[in-house]
C-alpha atoms as a PDB file:
ATOM      1  CA  UNK A   1     119.739  42.539 149.469  1.00  0.00           C
ATOM      2  CA  UNK A   2     122.043  44.543 147.197  1.00  0.00           C
ATOM      3  CA  UNK A   3     121.593  48.308 147.130  1.00  0.00           C
ATOM      4  CA  UNK A   4     119.490  49.493 144.167  1.00  0.00           C
ATOM      5  CA  UNK A   5     120.775  51.651 141.340  1.00  0.00           C
ATOM      6  CA  UNK A   6     119.564  55.221 141.767  1.00  0.00           C
ATOM      7  CA  UNK A   7     118.726  57.671 138.989  1.00  0.00           C
ATOM      8  CA  UNK A   8     118.593  61.338 140.018  1.00  0.00           C
ATOM      9  CA  UNK A   9     116.084  63.682 138.367  1.00  0.00           C
ATOM     10  CA  UNK A  10     116.602  67.456 138.467  1.00  0.00           C
ATOM     11  CA  UNK A  11     113.871  69.583 136.876  1.00  0.00           C
ATOM     12  CA  UNK A  12     114.937  72.984 135.546  1.00  0.00           C
ATOM     13  CA  UNK A  13     112.964  75.760 133.877  1.00  0.00           C
ATOM     14  CA  UNK A  14     114.936  79.020 133.790  1.00  0.00           C
ATOM     15  CA  UNK A  15     118.423  80.214 132.827  1.00  0.00           C
ATOM     16  CA  UNK A  16     118.329  82.488 135.861  1.00  0.00           C
ATOM     17  CA  UNK A  17     119.256  79.403 137.889  1.00  0.00           C
ATOM     18  CA  UNK A  18     122.104  78.339 135.605  1.00  0.00           C
ATOM     19  CA  UNK A  19     124.790  78.323 138.290  1.00  0.00           C
ATOM     20  CA  UNK A  20     122.409  76.612 140.718  1.00  0.00           C
ATOM     21  CA  UNK A  21     121.698  73.814 138.234  1.00  0.00           C
ATOM     22  CA  UNK A  22     125.401  73.246 137.631  1.00  0.00           C
ATOM     23  CA  UNK A  23     125.994  73.127 141.385  1.00  0.00           C
ATOM     24  CA  UNK A  24     123.142  70.643 141.852  1.00  0.00           C
ATOM     25  CA  UNK A  25     124.585  68.332 139.186  1.00  0.00           C
ATOM     26  CA  UNK A  26     128.078  68.641 140.666  1.00  0.00           C
ATOM     27  CA  UNK A  27     126.778  67.626 144.090  1.00  0.00           C
ATOM     28  CA  UNK A  28     125.224  64.493 142.585  1.00  0.00           C
ATOM     29  CA  UNK A  29     128.436  63.621 140.750  1.00  0.00           C
ATOM     30  CA  UNK A  30     130.380  63.964 144.026  1.00  0.00           C
ATOM     31  CA  UNK A  31     128.270  61.435 145.952  1.00  0.00           C
ATOM     32  CA  UNK A  32     130.022  58.806 148.063  1.00  0.00           C
ATOM     33  CA  UNK A  33     127.478  56.346 146.695  1.00  0.00           C
ATOM     34  CA  UNK A  34     127.446  57.178 142.962  1.00  0.00           C
ATOM     35  CA  UNK A  35     124.215  57.706 141.066  1.00  0.00           C
ATOM     36  CA  UNK A  36     123.549  55.553 138.031  1.00  0.00           C
ATOM     37  CA  UNK A  37     122.759  58.713 136.065  1.00  0.00           C
ATOM     38  CA  UNK A  38     121.531  62.286 136.403  1.00  0.00           C
ATOM     39  CA  UNK A  39     118.563  63.359 134.290  1.00  0.00           C
ATOM     40  CA  UNK A  40     118.078  67.081 133.685  1.00  0.00           C
ATOM     41  CA  UNK A  41     114.471  67.651 132.628  1.00  0.00           C
ATOM     42  CA  UNK A  42     113.930  71.073 131.062  1.00  0.00           C
ATOM     43  CA  UNK A  43     110.444  72.543 131.293  1.00  0.00           C
ATOM     44  CA  UNK A  44     109.494  74.011 127.905  1.00  0.00           C
ATOM     45  CA  UNK A  45     112.590  76.198 127.558  1.00  0.00           C
ATOM     46  CA  UNK A  46     114.417  75.263 124.358  1.00  0.00           C
ATOM     47  CA  UNK A  47     117.233  77.748 124.911  1.00  0.00           C
ATOM     48  CA  UNK A  48     118.001  76.345 128.355  1.00  0.00           C
ATOM     49  CA  UNK A  49     117.760  72.783 127.068  1.00  0.00           C
ATOM     50  CA  UNK A  50     120.218  73.473 124.249  1.00  0.00           C
ATOM     51  CA  UNK A  51     122.629  75.185 126.620  1.00  0.00           C
ATOM     52  CA  UNK A  52     122.539  72.301 129.103  1.00  0.00           C
ATOM     53  CA  UNK A  53     122.900  69.718 126.330  1.00  0.00           C
ATOM     54  CA  UNK A  54     126.031  71.532 125.155  1.00  0.00           C
ATOM     55  CA  UNK A  55     127.376  71.807 128.728  1.00  0.00           C
ATOM     56  CA  UNK A  56     127.051  68.053 129.315  1.00  0.00           C
ATOM     57  CA  UNK A  57     127.605  66.778 125.779  1.00  0.00           C
ATOM     58  CA  UNK A  58     130.697  64.830 126.822  1.00  0.00           C
ATOM     59  CA  UNK A  59     129.254  63.581 130.123  1.00  0.00           C
ATOM     60  CA  UNK A  60     128.233  59.950 130.033  1.00  0.00           C
ATOM     61  CA  UNK A  61     126.425  60.217 133.369  1.00  0.00           C
ATOM     62  CA  UNK A  62     124.190  63.230 132.597  1.00  0.00           C
ATOM     63  CA  UNK A  63     121.297  63.306 130.152  1.00  0.00           C
ATOM     64  CA  UNK A  64     119.238  66.354 129.193  1.00  0.00           C
ATOM     65  CA  UNK A  65     115.560  65.818 128.358  1.00  0.00           C
ATOM     66  CA  UNK A  66     112.659  68.064 127.426  1.00  0.00           C
ATOM     67  CA  UNK A  67     109.512  67.867 129.522  1.00  0.00           C
ATOM     68  CA  UNK A  68     107.248  65.614 127.443  1.00  0.00           C
ATOM     69  CA  UNK A  69     104.060  66.739 129.174  1.00  0.00           C
ATOM     70  CA  UNK A  70     102.294  69.996 129.983  1.00  0.00           C
ATOM     71  CA  UNK A  71     104.273  72.817 131.566  1.00  0.00           C
ATOM     72  CA  UNK A  72     104.961  72.300 135.245  1.00  0.00           C
ATOM     73  CA  UNK A  73     106.961  70.372 137.808  1.00  0.00           C
ATOM     74  CA  UNK A  74     104.685  67.307 137.957  1.00  0.00           C
ATOM     75  CA  UNK A  75     104.945  66.580 134.239  1.00  0.00           C
ATOM     76  CA  UNK A  76     108.691  67.236 134.349  1.00  0.00           C
ATOM     77  CA  UNK A  77     109.123  64.677 137.096  1.00  0.00           C
ATOM     78  CA  UNK A  78     106.966  62.192 135.197  1.00  0.00           C
ATOM     79  CA  UNK A  79     109.222  62.675 132.175  1.00  0.00           C
ATOM     80  CA  UNK A  80     112.254  61.906 134.336  1.00  0.00           C
ATOM     81  CA  UNK A  81     110.639  58.803 135.816  1.00  0.00           C
ATOM     82  CA  UNK A  82     109.774  57.458 132.372  1.00  0.00           C
ATOM     83  CA  UNK A  83     113.333  57.954 131.122  1.00  0.00           C
ATOM     84  CA  UNK A  84     115.185  56.752 134.229  1.00  0.00           C
ATOM     85  CA  UNK A  85     117.033  53.429 134.211  1.00  0.00           C
ATOM     86  CA  UNK A  86     117.414  53.039 137.966  1.00  0.00           C
ATOM     87  CA  UNK A  87     115.353  50.872 140.279  1.00  0.00           C
ATOM     88  CA  UNK A  88     115.050  53.960 142.502  1.00  0.00           C
ATOM     89  CA  UNK A  89     114.419  57.503 141.258  1.00  0.00           C
ATOM     90  CA  UNK A  90     115.565  60.390 143.455  1.00  0.00           C
ATOM     91  CA  UNK A  91     114.534  64.021 143.025  1.00  0.00           C
ATOM     92  CA  UNK A  92     116.695  67.046 143.770  1.00  0.00           C
ATOM     93  CA  UNK A  93     115.610  70.670 143.410  1.00  0.00           C
ATOM     94  CA  UNK A  94     117.444  72.684 140.780  1.00  0.00           C
ATOM     95  CA  UNK A  95     118.499  75.278 143.378  1.00  0.00           C
ATOM     96  CA  UNK A  96     119.809  72.824 145.964  1.00  0.00           C
ATOM     97  CA  UNK A  97     123.009  70.876 146.575  1.00  0.00           C
ATOM     98  CA  UNK A  98     123.194  67.463 148.221  1.00  0.00           C
ATOM     99  CA  UNK A  99     125.641  66.485 150.924  1.00  0.00           C
ATOM    100  CA  UNK A 100     128.131  63.771 149.987  1.00  0.00           C
ATOM    101  CA  UNK A 101     126.259  60.884 151.663  1.00  0.00           C
ATOM    102  CA  UNK A 102     122.772  61.872 150.450  1.00  0.00           C
ATOM    103  CA  UNK A 103     122.302  58.869 148.164  1.00  0.00           C
ATOM    104  CA  UNK A 104     124.101  56.555 150.580  1.00  0.00           C
ATOM    105  CA  UNK A 105     121.415  57.144 153.198  1.00  0.00           C
ATOM    106  CA  UNK A 106     118.624  56.776 150.654  1.00  0.00           C
ATOM    107  CA  UNK A 107     120.051  53.483 149.418  1.00  0.00           C
ATOM    108  CA  UNK A 108     120.414  52.082 152.940  1.00  0.00           C
ATOM    109  CA  UNK A 109     116.728  52.553 153.675  1.00  0.00           C
ATOM    110  CA  UNK A 110     115.778  50.400 150.684  1.00  0.00           C
ATOM    111  CA  UNK A 111     117.305  47.315 152.310  1.00  0.00           C
ATOM    112  CA  UNK A 112     113.745  46.769 153.554  1.00  0.00           C
ATOM    113  CA  UNK A 113     111.667  45.651 150.542  1.00  0.00           C
ATOM    114  CA  UNK A 114     108.549  47.238 152.035  1.00  0.00           C
ATOM    115  CA  UNK A 115     110.080  50.710 151.720  1.00  0.00           C
ATOM    116  CA  UNK A 116     108.758  52.426 148.594  1.00  0.00           C
ATOM    117  CA  UNK A 117     109.774  56.026 149.277  1.00  0.00           C
ATOM    118  CA  UNK A 118     112.486  57.796 151.281  1.00  0.00           C
ATOM    119  CA  UNK A 119     112.880  61.521 151.850  1.00  0.00           C
ATOM    120  CA  UNK A 120     115.533  63.564 153.587  1.00  0.00           C
ATOM    121  CA  UNK A 121     116.199  66.817 155.438  1.00  0.00           C
ATOM    122  CA  UNK A 122     116.321  70.101 153.544  1.00  0.00           C
ATOM    123  CA  UNK A 123     118.243  72.967 155.142  1.00  0.00           C
ATOM    124  CA  UNK A 124     117.666  76.595 154.068  1.00  0.00           C
ATOM    125  CA  UNK A 125     120.549  78.696 152.782  1.00  0.00           C
ATOM    126  CA  UNK A 126     119.366  82.264 153.289  1.00  0.00           C
ATOM    127  CA  UNK A 127     120.468  84.858 150.735  1.00  0.00           C
ATOM    128  CA  UNK A 128     120.985  87.401 153.518  1.00  0.00           C
ATOM    129  CA  UNK A 129     123.246  84.975 155.379  1.00  0.00           C
ATOM    130  CA  UNK A 130     120.867  84.257 158.244  1.00  0.00           C
ATOM    131  CA  UNK A 131     117.223  83.490 158.948  1.00  0.00           C
ATOM    132  CA  UNK A 132     115.024  86.601 159.122  1.00  0.00           C
ATOM    133  CA  UNK A 133     114.216  87.144 162.796  1.00  0.00           C
ATOM    134  CA  UNK A 134     110.471  87.109 162.167  1.00  0.00           C
ATOM    135  CA  UNK A 135     110.510  83.882 160.085  1.00  0.00           C
ATOM    136  CA  UNK A 136     109.276  80.899 162.185  1.00  0.00           C
ATOM    137  CA  UNK A 137     110.957  77.520 161.725  1.00  0.00           C
ATOM    138  CA  UNK A 138     107.480  75.975 161.815  1.00  0.00           C
ATOM    139  CA  UNK A 139     106.912  77.535 158.376  1.00  0.00           C
ATOM    140  CA  UNK A 140     110.166  76.545 156.665  1.00  0.00           C
ATOM    141  CA  UNK A 141     108.019  74.564 154.209  1.00  0.00           C
ATOM    142  CA  UNK A 142     107.221  77.983 152.729  1.00  0.00           C
ATOM    143  CA  UNK A 143     110.756  78.018 151.293  1.00  0.00           C
ATOM    144  CA  UNK A 144     110.825  74.301 150.468  1.00  0.00           C
ATOM    145  CA  UNK A 145     112.704  73.177 153.564  1.00  0.00           C
ATOM    146  CA  UNK A 146     112.233  70.824 156.494  1.00  0.00           C
ATOM    147  CA  UNK A 147     110.135  72.529 159.161  1.00  0.00           C
ATOM    148  CA  UNK A 148     109.952  72.305 162.940  1.00  0.00           C
ATOM    149  CA  UNK A 149     107.517  69.584 163.919  1.00  0.00           C
ATOM    150  CA  UNK A 150     108.830  66.759 161.774  1.00  0.00           C
ATOM    151  CA  UNK A 151     110.243  63.932 163.921  1.00  0.00           C
ATOM    152  CA  UNK A 152     114.032  63.400 163.917  1.00  0.00           C
ATOM    153  CA  UNK A 153     115.924  60.311 162.761  1.00  0.00           C
ATOM    154  CA  UNK A 154     114.693  57.716 160.267  1.00  0.00           C
ATOM    155  CA  UNK A 155     110.936  57.686 160.796  1.00  0.00           C
ATOM    156  CA  UNK A 156     107.782  56.570 159.042  1.00  0.00           C
ATOM    157  CA  UNK A 157     105.715  59.381 157.505  1.00  0.00           C
ATOM    158  CA  UNK A 158     102.573  59.940 155.464  1.00  0.00           C
ATOM    159  CA  UNK A 159     104.490  61.670 152.692  1.00  0.00           C
ATOM    160  CA  UNK A 160     107.970  62.725 151.661  1.00  0.00           C
ATOM    161  CA  UNK A 161     108.812  66.265 150.504  1.00  0.00           C
ATOM    162  CA  UNK A 162     109.366  66.457 146.764  1.00  0.00           C
ATOM    163  CA  UNK A 163     112.582  68.484 146.508  1.00  0.00           C
ATOM    164  CA  UNK A 164     114.515  65.891 148.501  1.00  0.00           C
ATOM    165  CA  UNK A 165     112.882  62.528 147.905  1.00  0.00           C
ATOM    166  CA  UNK A 166     113.228  59.132 146.285  1.00  0.00           C
ATOM    167  CA  UNK A 167     110.827  56.384 145.171  1.00  0.00           C
ATOM    168  CA  UNK A 168     111.167  52.806 144.033  1.00  0.00           C
ATOM    169  CA  UNK A 169     110.116  52.431 140.421  1.00  0.00           C
ATOM    170  CA  UNK A 170     107.394  50.027 141.520  1.00  0.00           C
ATOM    171  CA  UNK A 171     105.796  52.910 143.451  1.00  0.00           C
ATOM    172  CA  UNK A 172     104.981  54.567 140.130  1.00  0.00           C
ATOM    173  CA  UNK A 173     103.894  51.248 138.653  1.00  0.00           C
ATOM    174  CA  UNK A 174     101.406  50.903 141.523  1.00  0.00           C
ATOM    175  CA  UNK A 175     100.116  54.468 141.842  1.00  0.00           C
ATOM    176  CA  UNK A 176     100.884  56.192 138.545  1.00  0.00           C
ATOM    177  CA  UNK A 177     102.831  59.419 138.280  1.00  0.00           C
ATOM    178  CA  UNK A 178     102.619  62.886 139.792  1.00  0.00           C
ATOM    179  CA  UNK A 179      99.284  64.616 139.280  1.00  0.00           C
ATOM    180  CA  UNK A 180      99.271  67.506 136.841  1.00  0.00           C
ATOM    181  CA  UNK A 181      97.067  70.372 137.930  1.00  0.00           C
ATOM    182  CA  UNK A 182      98.720  70.231 141.369  1.00  0.00           C
ATOM    183  CA  UNK A 183     102.096  71.790 142.114  1.00  0.00           C
ATOM    184  CA  UNK A 184     104.422  74.296 140.497  1.00  0.00           C
ATOM    185  CA  UNK A 185     103.941  75.616 136.996  1.00  0.00           C
ATOM    186  CA  UNK A 186     106.919  77.738 136.013  1.00  0.00           C
ATOM    187  CA  UNK A 187     106.590  81.289 137.310  1.00  0.00           C
ATOM    188  CA  UNK A 188     102.916  81.041 138.211  1.00  0.00           C
ATOM    189  CA  UNK A 189     101.495  81.007 141.750  1.00  0.00           C
ATOM    190  CA  UNK A 190     103.798  78.993 144.076  1.00  0.00           C
ATOM    191  CA  UNK A 191     101.610  75.911 144.466  1.00  0.00           C
ATOM    192  CA  UNK A 192     102.736  72.588 145.906  1.00  0.00           C
ATOM    193  CA  UNK A 193     101.407  69.324 147.255  1.00  0.00           C
ATOM    194  CA  UNK A 194     101.952  67.009 144.302  1.00  0.00           C
ATOM    195  CA  UNK A 195     104.229  64.700 146.284  1.00  0.00           C
ATOM    196  CA  UNK A 196     101.720  64.551 149.159  1.00  0.00           C
ATOM    197  CA  UNK A 197      98.943  63.521 146.804  1.00  0.00           C
ATOM    198  CA  UNK A 198     101.128  60.861 145.168  1.00  0.00           C
ATOM    199  CA  UNK A 199     102.196  59.398 148.517  1.00  0.00           C
ATOM    200  CA  UNK A 200      98.603  59.120 149.720  1.00  0.00           C
ATOM    201  CA  UNK A 201      97.615  57.440 146.449  1.00  0.00           C
ATOM    202  CA  UNK A 202     100.571  55.083 146.827  1.00  0.00           C
ATOM    203  CA  UNK A 203      99.531  54.098 150.357  1.00  0.00           C
ATOM    204  CA  UNK A 204      96.048  53.304 149.060  1.00  0.00           C
ATOM    205  CA  UNK A 205      97.360  51.226 146.166  1.00  0.00           C
ATOM    206  CA  UNK A 206      99.934  49.459 148.381  1.00  0.00           C
ATOM    207  CA  UNK A 207      98.678  49.309 151.997  1.00  0.00           C
ATOM    208  CA  UNK A 208     101.878  47.470 152.953  1.00  0.00           C
ATOM    209  CA  UNK A 209     104.083  50.322 151.692  1.00  0.00           C
ATOM    210  CA  UNK A 210     106.490  52.020 154.083  1.00  0.00           C
ATOM    211  CA  UNK A 211     107.409  55.664 153.476  1.00  0.00           C
ATOM    212  CA  UNK A 212     110.305  57.141 155.427  1.00  0.00           C
ATOM    213  CA  UNK A 213     112.196  60.333 156.099  1.00  0.00           C
ATOM    214  CA  UNK A 214     115.859  59.937 157.052  1.00  0.00           C
ATOM    215  CA  UNK A 215     117.189  63.246 158.347  1.00  0.00           C
ATOM    216  CA  UNK A 216     120.773  62.197 157.557  1.00  0.00           C
ATOM    217  CA  UNK A 217     120.011  62.524 153.823  1.00  0.00           C
ATOM    218  CA  UNK A 218     120.655  66.260 153.725  1.00  0.00           C
ATOM    219  CA  UNK A 219     120.427  68.839 150.987  1.00  0.00           C
ATOM    220  CA  UNK A 220     120.988  72.599 151.202  1.00  0.00           C
ATOM    221  CA  UNK A 221     118.324  74.666 149.467  1.00  0.00           C
ATOM    222  CA  UNK A 222     118.995  78.235 148.362  1.00  0.00           C
ATOM    223  CA  UNK A 223     116.453  80.816 149.510  1.00  0.00           C
ATOM    224  CA  UNK A 224     116.708  83.941 147.327  1.00  0.00           C
ATOM    225  CA  UNK A 225     116.157  87.383 148.825  1.00  0.00           C
ATOM    226  CA  UNK A 226     112.570  87.847 147.542  1.00  0.00           C
ATOM    227  CA  UNK A 227     111.543  84.696 149.405  1.00  0.00           C
ATOM    228  CA  UNK A 228     112.817  86.092 152.687  1.00  0.00           C
ATOM    229  CA  UNK A 229     110.083  88.735 152.604  1.00  0.00           C
ATOM    230  CA  UNK A 230     106.705  88.588 154.292  1.00  0.00           C
ATOM    231  CA  UNK A 231     104.927  89.166 150.972  1.00  0.00           C
ATOM    232  CA  UNK A 232     106.258  85.857 149.644  1.00  0.00           C
ATOM    233  CA  UNK A 233     105.527  84.130 152.960  1.00  0.00           C
ATOM    234  CA  UNK A 234     101.904  85.197 152.693  1.00  0.00           C
ATOM    235  CA  UNK A 235     101.631  84.318 148.989  1.00  0.00           C
ATOM    236  CA  UNK A 236     103.112  80.869 149.544  1.00  0.00           C
ATOM    237  CA  UNK A 237     100.844  80.176 152.528  1.00  0.00           C
ATOM    238  CA  UNK A 238      97.811  81.136 150.459  1.00  0.00           C
ATOM    239  CA  UNK A 239      99.004  78.935 147.590  1.00  0.00           C
ATOM    240  CA  UNK A 240      99.480  76.034 149.990  1.00  0.00           C
ATOM    241  CA  UNK A 241      95.837  76.382 150.972  1.00  0.00           C
ATOM    242  CA  UNK A 242      94.852  76.248 147.318  1.00  0.00           C
ATOM    243  CA  UNK A 243      97.049  73.184 146.826  1.00  0.00           C
ATOM    244  CA  UNK A 244      95.634  71.360 149.844  1.00  0.00           C
ATOM    245  CA  UNK A 245      92.150  71.866 148.425  1.00  0.00           C
ATOM    246  CA  UNK A 246      93.228  70.096 145.229  1.00  0.00           C
ATOM    247  CA  UNK A 247      94.877  67.311 147.211  1.00  0.00           C
ATOM    248  CA  UNK A 248      91.805  66.694 149.335  1.00  0.00           C
ATOM    249  CA  UNK A 249      89.611  66.739 146.248  1.00  0.00           C
ATOM    250  CA  UNK A 250      91.782  63.960 144.843  1.00  0.00           C
ATOM    251  CA  UNK A 251      92.317  61.767 147.920  1.00  0.00           C
ATOM    252  CA  UNK A 252      89.729  62.963 150.456  1.00  0.00           C
ATOM    253  CA  UNK A 253      90.040  65.178 153.534  1.00  0.00           C
ATOM    254  CA  UNK A 254      90.657  62.323 155.994  1.00  0.00           C
ATOM    255  CA  UNK A 255      94.101  61.511 154.547  1.00  0.00           C
ATOM    256  CA  UNK A 256      94.676  64.788 152.721  1.00  0.00           C
ATOM    257  CA  UNK A 257      94.633  66.775 155.978  1.00  0.00           C
ATOM    258  CA  UNK A 258      95.682  64.083 158.463  1.00  0.00           C
ATOM    259  CA  UNK A 259      99.191  65.427 159.129  1.00  0.00           C
ATOM    260  CA  UNK A 260      98.059  69.035 158.788  1.00  0.00           C
ATOM    261  CA  UNK A 261      95.540  68.654 161.620  1.00  0.00           C
ATOM    262  CA  UNK A 262      98.249  67.426 163.990  1.00  0.00           C
ATOM    263  CA  UNK A 263     100.564  70.203 162.834  1.00  0.00           C
ATOM    264  CA  UNK A 264      97.896  72.862 163.419  1.00  0.00           C
ATOM    265  CA  UNK A 265      96.830  71.442 166.787  1.00  0.00           C
ATOM    266  CA  UNK A 266     100.268  70.803 168.305  1.00  0.00           C
ATOM    267  CA  UNK A 267     103.179  72.349 166.461  1.00  0.00           C
ATOM    268  CA  UNK A 268     101.789  75.794 165.670  1.00  0.00           C
ATOM    269  CA  UNK A 269     100.365  76.627 169.135  1.00  0.00           C
ATOM    270  CA  UNK A 270     103.727  75.662 170.630  1.00  0.00           C
ATOM    271  CA  UNK A 271     105.426  77.959 168.125  1.00  0.00           C
ATOM    272  CA  UNK A 272     103.165  80.876 169.034  1.00  0.00           C
ATOM    273  CA  UNK A 273     103.861  80.251 172.731  1.00  0.00           C
ATOM    274  CA  UNK A 274     107.634  80.260 172.120  1.00  0.00           C
ATOM    275  CA  UNK A 275     107.371  83.487 170.174  1.00  0.00           C
ATOM    276  CA  UNK A 276     105.342  85.219 172.880  1.00  0.00           C
ATOM    277  CA  UNK A 277     107.715  83.948 175.575  1.00  0.00           C
ATOM    278  CA  UNK A 278     110.685  85.325 173.626  1.00  0.00           C
ATOM    279  CA  UNK A 279     108.862  88.642 173.256  1.00  0.00           C
ATOM    280  CA  UNK A 280     108.284  88.807 177.013  1.00  0.00           C
ATOM    281  CA  UNK A 281     111.990  88.101 177.533  1.00  0.00           C
ATOM    282  CA  UNK A 282     112.863  90.884 175.063  1.00  0.00           C
ATOM    283  CA  UNK A 283     114.448  88.456 172.634  1.00  0.00           C
ATOM    284  CA  UNK A 284     114.553  89.752 169.053  1.00  0.00           C
ATOM    285  CA  UNK A 285     111.855  88.531 166.674  1.00  0.00           C
ATOM    286  CA  UNK A 286     109.634  86.717 169.151  1.00  0.00           C
ATOM    287  CA  UNK A 287     106.503  88.764 168.543  1.00  0.00           C
ATOM    288  CA  UNK A 288     107.145  88.697 164.797  1.00  0.00           C
ATOM    289  CA  UNK A 289     107.388  84.904 164.735  1.00  0.00           C
ATOM    290  CA  UNK A 290     104.200  84.500 166.750  1.00  0.00           C
ATOM    291  CA  UNK A 291     102.398  86.950 164.476  1.00  0.00           C
ATOM    292  CA  UNK A 292     103.726  85.270 161.344  1.00  0.00           C
ATOM    293  CA  UNK A 293     102.425  81.875 162.501  1.00  0.00           C
ATOM    294  CA  UNK A 294      98.944  83.301 163.102  1.00  0.00           C
ATOM    295  CA  UNK A 295      99.012  85.147 159.772  1.00  0.00           C
ATOM    296  CA  UNK A 296     100.236  82.047 157.957  1.00  0.00           C
ATOM    297  CA  UNK A 297      97.470  79.874 159.380  1.00  0.00           C
ATOM    298  CA  UNK A 298      94.735  82.373 158.527  1.00  0.00           C
ATOM    299  CA  UNK A 299      96.114  82.935 155.024  1.00  0.00           C
ATOM    300  CA  UNK A 300      96.414  79.211 154.304  1.00  0.00           C
ATOM    301  CA  UNK A 301      92.876  78.679 155.585  1.00  0.00           C
ATOM    302  CA  UNK A 302      91.640  81.381 153.240  1.00  0.00           C
ATOM    303  CA  UNK A 303      93.430  79.733 150.330  1.00  0.00           C
ATOM    304  CA  UNK A 304      91.913  76.385 151.235  1.00  0.00           C
ATOM    305  CA  UNK A 305      88.408  77.858 151.283  1.00  0.00           C
ATOM    306  CA  UNK A 306      88.859  79.493 147.884  1.00  0.00           C
ATOM    307  CA  UNK A 307      90.578  76.399 146.489  1.00  0.00           C
ATOM    308  CA  UNK A 308      87.773  74.135 147.652  1.00  0.00           C
ATOM    309  CA  UNK A 309      85.296  76.169 145.647  1.00  0.00           C
ATOM    310  CA  UNK A 310      87.543  76.163 142.583  1.00  0.00           C
ATOM    311  CA  UNK A 311      88.389  72.463 142.886  1.00  0.00           C
ATOM    312  CA  UNK A 312      84.772  71.510 142.326  1.00  0.00           C
ATOM    313  CA  UNK A 313      85.090  72.924 138.829  1.00  0.00           C
ATOM    314  CA  UNK A 314      88.725  71.952 138.073  1.00  0.00           C
ATOM    315  CA  UNK A 315      90.409  68.807 136.816  1.00  0.00           C
ATOM    316  CA  UNK A 316      93.379  66.900 138.172  1.00  0.00           C
ATOM    317  CA  UNK A 317      95.063  64.270 136.022  1.00  0.00           C
ATOM    318  CA  UNK A 318      97.650  61.708 136.945  1.00  0.00           C
ATOM    319  CA  UNK A 319     100.847  61.046 135.053  1.00  0.00           C
ATOM    320  CA  UNK A 320     101.236  57.574 133.568  1.00  0.00           C
ATOM    321  CA  UNK A 321     103.320  54.895 135.197  1.00  0.00           C
ATOM    322  CA  UNK A 322     106.627  54.412 133.369  1.00  0.00           C
ATOM    323  CA  UNK A 323     106.465  51.797 130.657  1.00  0.00           C
ATOM    324  CA  UNK A 324     108.622  48.733 131.164  1.00  0.00           C
ATOM    325  CA  UNK A 325     111.181  50.403 133.414  1.00  0.00           C
ATOM    326  CA  UNK A 326     113.445  51.269 130.476  1.00  0.00           C
ATOM    327  CA  UNK A 327     114.706  54.543 129.087  1.00  0.00           C
ATOM    328  CA  UNK A 328     112.774  56.701 126.675  1.00  0.00           C
ATOM    329  CA  UNK A 329     114.827  59.465 125.062  1.00  0.00           C
END
C-alpha cells in the first residue's frame, strides 16, 4: 500500500506566539517525508490571520484559514479537517516543532488499513532550561507532553494526544469532528480532553479501528515560565477534572475513565514511592514530586466532582464530518 498524503493542521490564536508559529511551520517544511500542505487555522484573530497570510503569501504549501466555527481549539481543528486535501490529517501545536522524521513515522503506521489514528511522543522544552525539581514526569500531560506511564515503542492505545496526532480522513467520516464545549478556548481555563472523546467515539463507530502511539514520531513542545509554576500545575489539574467530566458525560465513565483508572492505580502510587525514596536518600525534589502527585490527584478529583455537576446542565456538540474530502477555502 502506498503511503498516504498528509495534511498538517496548526491552530493559532495569538500574536504572542508569532515566532513559535513560524518555527512550527518551518519544522513541517523540513520533514524528510514532505507534507502535502500545511494549514494554519487562526482562531478569531483577524490581525494575526492577516499577518500570517502576508507572511506566507508566496508559499504554495501553506494556507491560512479563519476558524469557521465557535472560538476554541476543537472548532479550529474541525475547520482544518474540512479544508485539508490529504488522506491523513496531522495536528501540531502552534508552540511545538517536529523532528525531521515525524511524518515519516506517522505515514509508516498507516500501512495497516485498520489504523485510523497515530500519535507520537511530545518532549517538554522548559523555559528555565531544565525540569523544575518538584515537577513529576507522571504529570507532564499538564504541559501538553508525553507523561511517565505511557508504554514505549509503537503500541495500541485508547486515545492519541491532540498536539501530536494524526487521523485518517475516514475517521472523521465515521465519528464526526472534535466536540465543541470540550477543550481549549483561547485564554480561558486550560481545559482539554477533546481528542480523548473523539477517539472513544471513533472506537464505538468503528470497532475494528486501531489507534497507535509511535514514540519515534517526536515533537518538542515549549513550556513557558508561567507553566513551570505550581499555580499553573494546580489550575491545569483542576481543569483536567472538569474536562474528564465532560468526556464521561459524552461517552460514559466506563470508557471515559478506563485509562485514568489504571494510571491512578499503578503509575501514580509508583511515582509517590519514587519521590519518597528520593527524599529518604536526600535527593533534591523527591518530597516535592511526591507531594505534587498527591496534590494533583486531589485537585483533579475536585474538578471532576464540580464538572460532573455542571455537565448535567451543559451541552456538548460535535463538529461535522468533512464533506467529500475536498478543500473548502
